[in-house]
Amino acid sequence: MEKAQHAFENIAPQTLEEALALLARREAELAALRCAQQEWVHAVSHDLRAPLRHVLAFNPLIAELLRSSNPGADDLEEALSFLQTMDQSAQRMAAMFDGLLQMSRVDRHVLQLKSVELLPVLHSVQQRLQANAAGRQIEWCLPAVAPAVQADPYLLELALTAALSNAIKFTRSVSQARIQVDVRDQMQSRDCWIAITDNGVGFDQSRAGKLFGVFQRMHREADFEGVGTGLVLVRNICRRHGGEAEIEAQPNAGCQLQMSWPKA
């Protein structure tokens, strides 16, 4: 409570214009939280049921196979296959819960808005992710200049990490991966746009809207790990700052993720 009060005092408006801007940010944040709550309900009531059904369905089948006093080799092999499916489903459900918990922490995080220099954050995230990229040779193209943004430093770094991690993951099958970050500063606008472009596998643009749903994926889990919460995280963080996230792509021609942020 004291943390929230301190954050409020730090951004207390001094003029009518500042008060209206603060009200607009609060309305945008409230709308983002409502949207996140609806996605939570759908994810828990629908998406989590799929792996749970596997666990519940295969348990009696295994019991039936092993009920025999002398189960045959085929029975044991089939039971082992069922156990492997149950284990995979349980691991997926655990990863889904982890994704939901991370989203919850982001939604409950008290915004600490301040002026943040974008370039140092970009370079820090890029260096950390490249070090963890298992020796992959990635061509990085980062902007030479960028404006300062009005952001919560923790959430800004989290959004950039999720966005750039996606670009690294989906360029894995490309012989020469290329990830480019552009920052468009529109002088007449209060926002700037951060665009992250890669030359990875891409996807069908007609399905782009689904990507910002919880647990929504375009590719098989066998090809690319993850449960489908990264882009939701990016969008929710953008919306909490009064911005938005959009994505464009073509199959086998990469994609571009765009995030709008208020300038400092």
C-alpha atoms as a PDB file:
ATOM      1  CA  MET A   1       0.000   0.000   0.000  1.00  0.00           C
ATOM      2  CA  GLU A   2       2.819   2.397   0.908  1.00  0.00           C
ATOM      3  CA  LYS A   3       4.569   1.547  -2.378  1.00  0.00           C
ATOM      4  CA  ALA A   4       1.452   2.379  -4.362  1.00  0.00           C
ATOM      5  CA  GLN A   5       0.976   5.644  -2.451  1.00  0.00           C
ATOM      6  CA  HIS A   6       4.607   6.630  -3.053  1.00  0.00           C
ATOM      7  CA  ALA A   7       4.234   5.882  -6.787  1.00  0.00           C
ATOM      8  CA  PHE A   8       1.088   8.024  -6.913  1.00  0.00           C
ATOM      9  CA  GLU A   9       2.772  10.936  -5.161  1.00  0.00           C
ATOM     10  CA  ASN A  10       5.658  10.816  -7.623  1.00  0.00           C
ATOM     11  CA  ILE A  11       3.307  11.363 -10.563  1.00  0.00           C
ATOM     12  CA  ALA A  12       0.738  13.622  -8.894  1.00  0.00           C
ATOM     13  CA  PRO A  13      -0.456  16.093 -11.565  1.00  0.00           C
ATOM     14  CA  GLN A  14       0.369  19.769 -11.128  1.00  0.00           C
ATOM     15  CA  THR A  15      -1.759  21.166 -13.976  1.00  0.00           C
ATOM     16  CA  LEU A  16      -5.092  20.393 -15.621  1.00  0.00           C
ATOM     17  CA  GLU A  17      -3.286  19.051 -18.683  1.00  0.00           C
ATOM     18  CA  GLU A  18      -1.228  16.688 -16.538  1.00  0.00           C
ATOM     19  CA  ALA A  19      -4.364  15.600 -14.674  1.00  0.00           C
ATOM     20  CA  LEU A  20      -6.171  14.789 -17.929  1.00  0.00           C
ATOM     21  CA  ALA A  21      -3.147  12.877 -19.214  1.00  0.00           C
ATOM     22  CA  LEU A  22      -2.989  10.903 -15.969  1.00  0.00           C
ATOM     23  CA  LEU A  23      -6.712  10.142 -16.170  1.00  0.00           C
ATOM     24  CA  ALA A  24      -6.291   8.880 -19.750  1.00  0.00           C
ATOM     25  CA  ARG A  25      -3.442   6.595 -18.638  1.00  0.00           C
ATOM     26  CA  ARG A  26      -5.525   5.263 -15.767  1.00  0.00           C
ATOM     27  CA  GLU A  27      -8.462   4.541 -18.075  1.00  0.00           C
ATOM     28  CA  ALA A  28      -6.171   2.734 -20.522  1.00  0.00           C
ATOM     29  CA  GLU A  29      -4.660   0.720 -17.680  1.00  0.00           C
ATOM     30  CA  LEU A  30      -8.096  -0.204 -16.331  1.00  0.00           C
ATOM     31  CA  ALA A  31      -9.230  -1.330 -19.791  1.00  0.00           C
ATOM     32  CA  ALA A  32      -6.088  -3.443 -20.144  1.00  0.00           C
ATOM     33  CA  LEU A  33      -6.695  -5.069 -16.765  1.00  0.00           C
ATOM     34  CA  ARG A  34     -10.317  -5.868 -17.675  1.00  0.00           C
ATOM     35  CA  CYS A  35      -9.156  -7.476 -20.921  1.00  0.00           C
ATOM     36  CA  ALA A  36      -6.503  -9.478 -19.070  1.00  0.00           C
ATOM     37  CA  GLN A  37      -9.105 -10.674 -16.561  1.00  0.00           C
ATOM     38  CA  GLN A  38     -11.348 -11.964 -19.339  1.00  0.00           C
ATOM     39  CA  GLU A  39      -8.404 -13.805 -20.914  1.00  0.00           C
ATOM     40  CA  TRP A  40      -7.576 -15.342 -17.546  1.00  0.00           C
ATOM     41  CA  VAL A  41     -11.090 -16.729 -17.165  1.00  0.00           C
ATOM     42  CA  HIS A  42     -11.037 -18.214 -20.675  1.00  0.00           C
ATOM     43  CA  ALA A  43      -7.571 -19.711 -20.207  1.00  0.00           C
ATOM     44  CA  VAL A  44      -8.394 -21.354 -16.896  1.00  0.00           C
ATOM     45  CA  SER A  45     -11.847 -22.593 -17.934  1.00  0.00           C
ATOM     46  CA  HIS A  46     -10.906 -23.793 -21.436  1.00  0.00           C
ATOM     47  CA  ASP A  47      -7.240 -24.062 -22.399  1.00  0.00           C
ATOM     48  CA  LEU A  48      -6.022 -25.728 -19.220  1.00  0.00           C
ATOM     49  CA  ARG A  49      -8.619 -28.457 -19.616  1.00  0.00           C
ATOM     50  CA  ALA A  50      -6.854 -30.031 -22.615  1.00  0.00           C
ATOM     51  CA  PRO A  51      -3.734 -31.324 -20.795  1.00  0.00           C
ATOM     52  CA  LEU A  52      -5.842 -32.140 -17.739  1.00  0.00           C
ATOM     53  CA  ARG A  53      -8.104 -34.329 -19.895  1.00  0.00           C
ATOM     54  CA  HIS A  54      -5.069 -36.344 -21.010  1.00  0.00           C
ATOM     55  CA  VAL A  55      -4.054 -37.015 -17.416  1.00  0.00           C
ATOM     56  CA  LEU A  56      -7.565 -37.989 -16.352  1.00  0.00           C
ATOM     57  CA  ALA A  57      -8.310 -40.075 -19.450  1.00  0.00           C
ATOM     58  CA  PHE A  58      -5.149 -42.206 -19.471  1.00  0.00           C
ATOM     59  CA  ASN A  59      -5.095 -42.987 -15.756  1.00  0.00           C
ATOM     60  CA  PRO A  60      -7.957 -45.582 -15.858  1.00  0.00           C
ATOM     61  CA  LEU A  61      -6.536 -47.066 -19.072  1.00  0.00           C
ATOM     62  CA  ILE A  62      -3.199 -47.711 -17.350  1.00  0.00           C
ATOM     63  CA  ALA A  63      -4.984 -49.197 -14.349  1.00  0.00           C
ATOM     64  CA  GLU A  64      -6.910 -51.546 -16.625  1.00  0.00           C
ATOM     65  CA  LEU A  65      -3.757 -52.663 -18.458  1.00  0.00           C
ATOM     66  CA  LEU A  66      -1.886 -53.367 -15.237  1.00  0.00           C
ATOM     67  CA  ARG A  67      -4.802 -54.994 -13.404  1.00  0.00           C
ATOM     68  CA  SER A  68      -3.886 -58.314 -14.919  1.00  0.00           C
ATOM     69  CA  SER A  69      -1.788 -60.543 -12.662  1.00  0.00           C
ATOM     70  CA  ASN A  70       0.587 -61.189 -15.547  1.00  0.00           C
ATOM     71  CA  PRO A  71       0.485 -58.303 -18.044  1.00  0.00           C
ATOM     72  CA  GLY A  72       2.128 -59.015 -21.375  1.00  0.00           C
ATOM     73  CA  ALA A  73       4.951 -57.066 -22.980  1.00  0.00           C
ATOM     74  CA  ASP A  74       2.522 -55.254 -25.288  1.00  0.00           C
ATOM     75  CA  ASP A  75       0.419 -54.190 -22.299  1.00  0.00           C
ATOM     76  CA  LEU A  76       3.474 -52.820 -20.497  1.00  0.00           C
ATOM     77  CA  GLU A  77       4.633 -50.970 -23.618  1.00  0.00           C
ATOM     78  CA  GLU A  78       1.202 -49.412 -24.078  1.00  0.00           C
ATOM     79  CA  ALA A  79       1.051 -48.413 -20.405  1.00  0.00           C
ATOM     80  CA  LEU A  80       4.470 -46.807 -20.713  1.00  0.00           C
ATOM     81  CA  SER A  81       3.264 -44.854 -23.755  1.00  0.00           C
ATOM     82  CA  PHE A  82       0.245 -43.619 -21.776  1.00  0.00           C
ATOM     83  CA  LEU A  83       2.518 -42.591 -18.890  1.00  0.00           C
ATOM     84  CA  GLN A  84       4.730 -40.605 -21.270  1.00  0.00           C
ATOM     85  CA  THR A  85       1.671 -38.795 -22.637  1.00  0.00           C
ATOM     86  CA  MET A  86       0.515 -38.013 -19.102  1.00  0.00           C
ATOM     87  CA  ASP A  87       3.968 -36.716 -18.189  1.00  0.00           C
ATOM     88  CA  GLN A  88       4.093 -34.457 -21.259  1.00  0.00           C
ATOM     89  CA  SER A  89       0.611 -33.143 -20.473  1.00  0.00           C
ATOM     90  CA  ALA A  90       1.531 -32.474 -16.839  1.00  0.00           C
ATOM     91  CA  GLN A  91       4.689 -30.609 -17.896  1.00  0.00           C
ATOM     92  CA  ARG A  92       2.717 -28.541 -20.393  1.00  0.00           C
ATOM     93  CA  MET A  93       0.113 -27.702 -17.749  1.00  0.00           C
ATOM     94  CA  ALA A  94       2.890 -26.635 -15.360  1.00  0.00           C
ATOM     95  CA  ALA A  95       4.376 -24.373 -18.067  1.00  0.00           C
ATOM     96  CA  MET A  96       0.919 -22.898 -18.705  1.00  0.00           C
ATOM     97  CA  PHE A  97       0.522 -22.128 -14.999  1.00  0.00           C
ATOM     98  CA  ASP A  98       3.962 -20.477 -15.004  1.00  0.00           C
ATOM     99  CA  GLY A  99       2.854 -18.310 -17.936  1.00  0.00           C
ATOM    100  CA  LEU A 100      -0.336 -17.306 -16.156  1.00  0.00           C
ATOM    101  CA  LEU A 101       1.574 -16.469 -12.987  1.00  0.00           C
ATOM    102  CA  GLN A 102       3.964 -14.237 -14.919  1.00  0.00           C
ATOM    103  CA  MET A 103       1.028 -12.460 -16.547  1.00  0.00           C
ATOM    104  CA  SER A 104      -0.555 -12.018 -13.124  1.00  0.00           C
ATOM    105  CA  ARG A 105       2.616 -10.482 -11.712  1.00  0.00           C
ATOM    106  CA  VAL A 106       2.722  -8.033 -14.620  1.00  0.00           C
ATOM    107  CA  ASP A 107      -0.926  -7.085 -14.154  1.00  0.00           C
ATOM    108  CA  ARG A 108      -0.468  -6.536 -10.394  1.00  0.00           C
ATOM    109  CA  HIS A 109       2.839  -4.694 -10.688  1.00  0.00           C
ATOM    110  CA  VAL A 110       2.531  -1.097  -9.452  1.00  0.00           C
ATOM    111  CA  LEU A 111       3.598   1.195 -12.293  1.00  0.00           C
ATOM    112  CA  GLN A 112       6.707   3.236 -11.504  1.00  0.00           C
ATOM    113  CA  LEU A 113       6.682   5.583 -14.473  1.00  0.00           C
ATOM    114  CA  LYS A 114       9.803   7.575 -15.251  1.00  0.00           C
ATOM    115  CA  SER A 115      11.851   8.801 -18.186  1.00  0.00           C
ATOM    116  CA  VAL A 116      13.876   5.852 -19.504  1.00  0.00           C
ATOM    117  CA  GLU A 117      16.619   6.026 -22.126  1.00  0.00           C
ATOM    118  CA  LEU A 118      15.641   3.317 -24.596  1.00  0.00           C
ATOM    119  CA  LEU A 119      19.025   2.540 -26.200  1.00  0.00           C
ATOM    120  CA  PRO A 120      20.824   1.290 -23.053  1.00  0.00           C
ATOM    121  CA  VAL A 121      17.891  -1.010 -22.261  1.00  0.00           C
ATOM    122  CA  LEU A 122      17.851  -2.371 -25.824  1.00  0.00           C
ATOM    123  CA  HIS A 123      21.589  -3.063 -25.787  1.00  0.00           C
ATOM    124  CA  SER A 124      21.420  -4.699 -22.358  1.00  0.00           C
ATOM    125  CA  VAL A 125      18.582  -7.041 -23.376  1.00  0.00           C
ATOM    126  CA  GLN A 126      20.242  -7.879 -26.721  1.00  0.00           C
ATOM    127  CA  GLN A 127      23.580  -8.742 -25.084  1.00  0.00           C
ATOM    128  CA  ARG A 128      21.931 -10.915 -22.442  1.00  0.00           C
ATOM    129  CA  LEU A 129      19.834 -12.834 -24.973  1.00  0.00           C
ATOM    130  CA  GLN A 130      22.732 -13.277 -27.399  1.00  0.00           C
ATOM    131  CA  ALA A 131      24.844 -14.749 -24.584  1.00  0.00           C
ATOM    132  CA  ASN A 132      22.078 -17.309 -23.970  1.00  0.00           C
ATOM    133  CA  ALA A 133      21.535 -18.107 -27.662  1.00  0.00           C
ATOM    134  CA  ALA A 134      23.710 -21.234 -27.629  1.00  0.00           C
ATOM    135  CA  GLY A 135      26.450 -19.790 -29.820  1.00  0.00           C
ATOM    136  CA  ARG A 136      24.159 -18.823 -32.670  1.00  0.00           C
ATOM    137  CA  GLN A 137      25.406 -16.222 -35.115  1.00  0.00           C
ATOM    138  CA  ILE A 138      22.713 -13.548 -35.260  1.00  0.00           C
ATOM    139  CA  GLU A 139      23.006 -10.312 -37.209  1.00  0.00           C
ATOM    140  CA  TRP A 140      21.691  -7.569 -34.959  1.00  0.00           C
ATOM    141  CA  CYS A 141      20.697  -4.157 -36.317  1.00  0.00           C
ATOM    142  CA  LEU A 142      19.950  -1.771 -33.472  1.00  0.00           C
ATOM    143  CA  PRO A 143      19.120   1.922 -33.868  1.00  0.00           C
ATOM    144  CA  ALA A 144      21.849   4.527 -33.460  1.00  0.00           C
ATOM    145  CA  VAL A 145      19.496   6.970 -31.745  1.00  0.00           C
ATOM    146  CA  ALA A 146      16.192   6.684 -29.931  1.00  0.00           C
ATOM    147  CA  PRO A 147      14.074   8.977 -27.788  1.00  0.00           C
ATOM    148  CA  ALA A 148      13.577   8.507 -24.080  1.00  0.00           C
ATOM    149  CA  VAL A 149      10.249   6.879 -23.243  1.00  0.00           C
ATOM    150  CA  GLN A 150       7.871   7.201 -20.323  1.00  0.00           C
ATOM    151  CA  ALA A 151       7.877   3.722 -18.881  1.00  0.00           C
ATOM    152  CA  ASP A 152       8.156   1.457 -15.900  1.00  0.00           C
ATOM    153  CA  PRO A 153      11.785   0.255 -16.303  1.00  0.00           C
ATOM    154  CA  TYR A 154      11.017  -3.296 -15.134  1.00  0.00           C
ATOM    155  CA  LEU A 155       8.050  -3.729 -17.474  1.00  0.00           C
ATOM    156  CA  LEU A 156       9.849  -2.110 -20.422  1.00  0.00           C
ATOM    157  CA  GLU A 157      12.744  -4.546 -20.083  1.00  0.00           C
ATOM    158  CA  LEU A 158      10.309  -7.458 -19.695  1.00  0.00           C
ATOM    159  CA  ALA A 159       8.439  -6.511 -22.881  1.00  0.00           C
ATOM    160  CA  LEU A 160      11.641  -6.092 -24.909  1.00  0.00           C
ATOM    161  CA  THR A 161      12.966  -9.398 -23.575  1.00  0.00           C
ATOM    162  CA  ALA A 162       9.790 -11.244 -24.590  1.00  0.00           C
ATOM    163  CA  ALA A 163       9.711  -9.601 -28.029  1.00  0.00           C
ATOM    164  CA  LEU A 164      13.380 -10.210 -28.850  1.00  0.00           C
ATOM    165  CA  SER A 165      13.237 -13.756 -27.435  1.00  0.00           C
ATOM    166  CA  ASN A 166      10.458 -14.521 -29.896  1.00  0.00           C
ATOM    167  CA  ALA A 167      12.562 -13.179 -32.762  1.00  0.00           C
ATOM    168  CA  ILE A 168      15.499 -15.362 -31.694  1.00  0.00           C
ATOM    169  CA  LYS A 169      13.320 -18.445 -31.363  1.00  0.00           C
ATOM    170  CA  PHE A 170      11.566 -18.159 -34.715  1.00  0.00           C
ATOM    171  CA  THR A 171      14.783 -17.496 -36.661  1.00  0.00           C
ATOM    172  CA  ARG A 172      16.337 -20.711 -35.365  1.00  0.00           C
ATOM    173  CA  SER A 173      15.867 -22.557 -38.662  1.00  0.00           C
ATOM    174  CA  VAL A 174      17.364 -19.729 -40.744  1.00  0.00           C
ATOM    175  CA  SER A 175      21.014 -20.111 -41.780  1.00  0.00           C
ATOM    176  CA  GLN A 176      21.725 -16.392 -41.224  1.00  0.00           C
ATOM    177  CA  ALA A 177      19.317 -14.949 -38.683  1.00  0.00           C
ATOM    178  CA  ARG A 178      18.747 -11.212 -38.822  1.00  0.00           C
ATOM    179  CA  ILE A 179      16.953  -9.183 -36.164  1.00  0.00           C
ATOM    180  CA  GLN A 180      16.424  -5.473 -36.687  1.00  0.00           C
ATOM    181  CA  VAL A 181      15.077  -2.940 -34.204  1.00  0.00           C
ATOM    182  CA  ASP A 182      13.798   0.410 -35.464  1.00  0.00           C
ATOM    183  CA  VAL A 183      12.436   3.269 -33.396  1.00  0.00           C
ATOM    184  CA  ARG A 184      10.129   5.693 -35.179  1.00  0.00           C
ATOM    185  CA  ASP A 185       9.765   9.012 -33.400  1.00  0.00           C
ATOM    186  CA  GLN A 186       6.680  10.783 -34.724  1.00  0.00           C
ATOM    187  CA  MET A 187       7.262  14.423 -33.876  1.00  0.00           C
ATOM    188  CA  GLN A 188       3.578  15.382 -33.798  1.00  0.00           C
ATOM    189  CA  SER A 189       2.636  12.396 -31.622  1.00  0.00           C
ATOM    190  CA  ARG A 190       3.100  11.709 -27.927  1.00  0.00           C
ATOM    191  CA  ASP A 191       4.121   8.152 -28.829  1.00  0.00           C
ATOM    192  CA  CYS A 192       7.032   6.479 -30.554  1.00  0.00           C
ATOM    193  CA  TRP A 193       6.955   3.077 -32.233  1.00  0.00           C
ATOM    194  CA  ILE A 194       9.439   0.287 -31.542  1.00  0.00           C
ATOM    195  CA  ALA A 195       9.516  -2.174 -34.452  1.00  0.00           C
ATOM    196  CA  ILE A 196      11.275  -5.548 -34.171  1.00  0.00           C
ATOM    197  CA  THR A 197      11.709  -7.285 -37.536  1.00  0.00           C
ATOM    198  CA  ASP A 198      13.129 -10.767 -38.124  1.00  0.00           C
ATOM    199  CA  ASN A 199      13.658 -13.052 -41.121  1.00  0.00           C
ATOM    200  CA  GLY A 200      12.293 -16.161 -39.437  1.00  0.00           C
ATOM    201  CA  VAL A 201       9.530 -18.616 -40.296  1.00  0.00           C
ATOM    202  CA  GLY A 202       6.720 -16.043 -40.156  1.00  0.00           C
ATOM    203  CA  PHE A 203       3.074 -17.077 -40.363  1.00  0.00           C
ATOM    204  CA  ASP A 204      -0.178 -16.467 -42.221  1.00  0.00           C
ATOM    205  CA  GLN A 205      -1.153 -12.825 -41.615  1.00  0.00           C
ATOM    206  CA  SER A 206      -4.869 -13.684 -41.677  1.00  0.00           C
ATOM    207  CA  ARG A 207      -4.362 -15.443 -38.326  1.00  0.00           C
ATOM    208  CA  ALA A 208      -2.380 -12.634 -36.687  1.00  0.00           C
ATOM    209  CA  GLY A 209      -5.214 -11.552 -34.385  1.00  0.00           C
ATOM    210  CA  LYS A 210      -5.174 -14.895 -32.588  1.00  0.00           C
ATOM    211  CA  LEU A 211      -1.541 -14.526 -31.566  1.00  0.00           C
ATOM    212  CA  PHE A 212      -2.393 -12.021 -28.846  1.00  0.00           C
ATOM    213  CA  GLY A 213      -4.688 -14.523 -27.150  1.00  0.00           C
ATOM    214  CA  VAL A 214      -3.498 -16.499 -24.142  1.00  0.00           C
ATOM    215  CA  PHE A 215      -2.006 -19.892 -25.126  1.00  0.00           C
ATOM    216  CA  GLN A 216      -2.443 -19.212 -28.850  1.00  0.00           C
ATOM    217  CA  ARG A 217       0.294 -20.538 -31.136  1.00  0.00           C
ATOM    218  CA  MET A 218       0.986 -20.636 -34.874  1.00  0.00           C
ATOM    219  CA  HIS A 219       3.511 -23.454 -34.901  1.00  0.00           C
ATOM    220  CA  ARG A 220       3.741 -26.940 -33.488  1.00  0.00           C
ATOM    221  CA  GLU A 221       5.226 -27.234 -30.011  1.00  0.00           C
ATOM    222  CA  ALA A 222       7.533 -29.927 -31.367  1.00  0.00           C
ATOM    223  CA  ASP A 223       9.110 -27.305 -33.657  1.00  0.00           C
ATOM    224  CA  PHE A 224       9.164 -24.320 -31.294  1.00  0.00           C
ATOM    225  CA  GLU A 225       8.901 -24.484 -27.516  1.00  0.00           C
ATOM    226  CA  GLY A 226       6.590 -22.266 -25.502  1.00  0.00           C
ATOM    227  CA  VAL A 227       2.946 -22.162 -24.479  1.00  0.00           C
ATOM    228  CA  GLY A 228       1.854 -18.934 -26.161  1.00  0.00           C
ATOM    229  CA  THR A 229       2.036 -16.196 -23.522  1.00  0.00           C
ATOM    230  CA  GLY A 230       4.953 -14.055 -24.759  1.00  0.00           C
ATOM    231  CA  LEU A 231       3.028 -11.786 -27.119  1.00  0.00           C
ATOM    232  CA  VAL A 232       0.154 -11.470 -24.648  1.00  0.00           C
ATOM    233  CA  LEU A 233       2.681 -10.243 -22.119  1.00  0.00           C
ATOM    234  CA  VAL A 234       4.043  -7.681 -24.595  1.00  0.00           C
ATOM    235  CA  ARG A 235       0.587  -6.389 -25.489  1.00  0.00           C
ATOM    236  CA  ASN A 236      -0.575  -6.172 -21.866  1.00  0.00           C
ATOM    237  CA  ILE A 237       2.525  -4.200 -20.879  1.00  0.00           C
ATOM    238  CA  CYS A 238       2.069  -1.828 -23.827  1.00  0.00           C
ATOM    239  CA  ARG A 239      -1.572  -1.269 -22.914  1.00  0.00           C
ATOM    240  CA  ARG A 240      -0.726  -0.577 -19.296  1.00  0.00           C
ATOM    241  CA  HIS A 241       1.384   2.304 -20.610  1.00  0.00           C
ATOM    242  CA  GLY A 242      -1.430   3.544 -22.857  1.00  0.00           C
ATOM    243  CA  GLY A 243       0.155   2.009 -25.957  1.00  0.00           C
ATOM    244  CA  GLU A 244      -0.555  -0.947 -28.200  1.00  0.00           C
ATOM    245  CA  ALA A 245       1.154  -3.905 -29.892  1.00  0.00           C
ATOM    246  CA  GLU A 246       0.617  -5.081 -33.476  1.00  0.00           C
ATOM    247  CA  ILE A 247       2.213  -7.772 -35.608  1.00  0.00           C
ATOM    248  CA  GLU A 248       2.612  -8.404 -39.342  1.00  0.00           C
ATOM    249  CA  ALA A 249       4.104 -11.435 -41.067  1.00  0.00           C
ATOM    250  CA  GLN A 250       4.352 -13.625 -44.139  1.00  0.00           C
ATOM    251  CA  PRO A 251       4.990 -17.385 -44.192  1.00  0.00           C
ATOM    252  CA  ASN A 252       8.733 -18.108 -44.437  1.00  0.00           C
ATOM    253  CA  ALA A 253       9.463 -14.378 -44.714  1.00  0.00           C
ATOM    254  CA  GLY A 254       9.668 -13.312 -41.076  1.00  0.00           C
ATOM    255  CA  CYS A 255       7.512 -10.952 -39.083  1.00  0.00           C
ATOM    256  CA  GLN A 256       7.488  -7.486 -37.566  1.00  0.00           C
ATOM    257  CA  LEU A 257       6.239  -6.726 -34.071  1.00  0.00           C
ATOM    258  CA  GLN A 258       5.404  -3.076 -33.399  1.00  0.00           C
ATOM    259  CA  MET A 259       4.980  -1.553 -29.954  1.00  0.00           C
ATOM    260  CA  SER A 260       3.860   1.990 -29.225  1.00  0.00           C
ATOM    261  CA  TRP A 261       5.212   3.758 -26.143  1.00  0.00           C
ATOM    262  CA  PRO A 262       4.607   7.251 -24.766  1.00  0.00           C
ATOM    263  CA  LYS A 263       7.618   9.506 -25.125  1.00  0.00           C
ATOM    264  CA  ALA A 264       9.125  11.076 -22.035  1.00  0.00           C
END
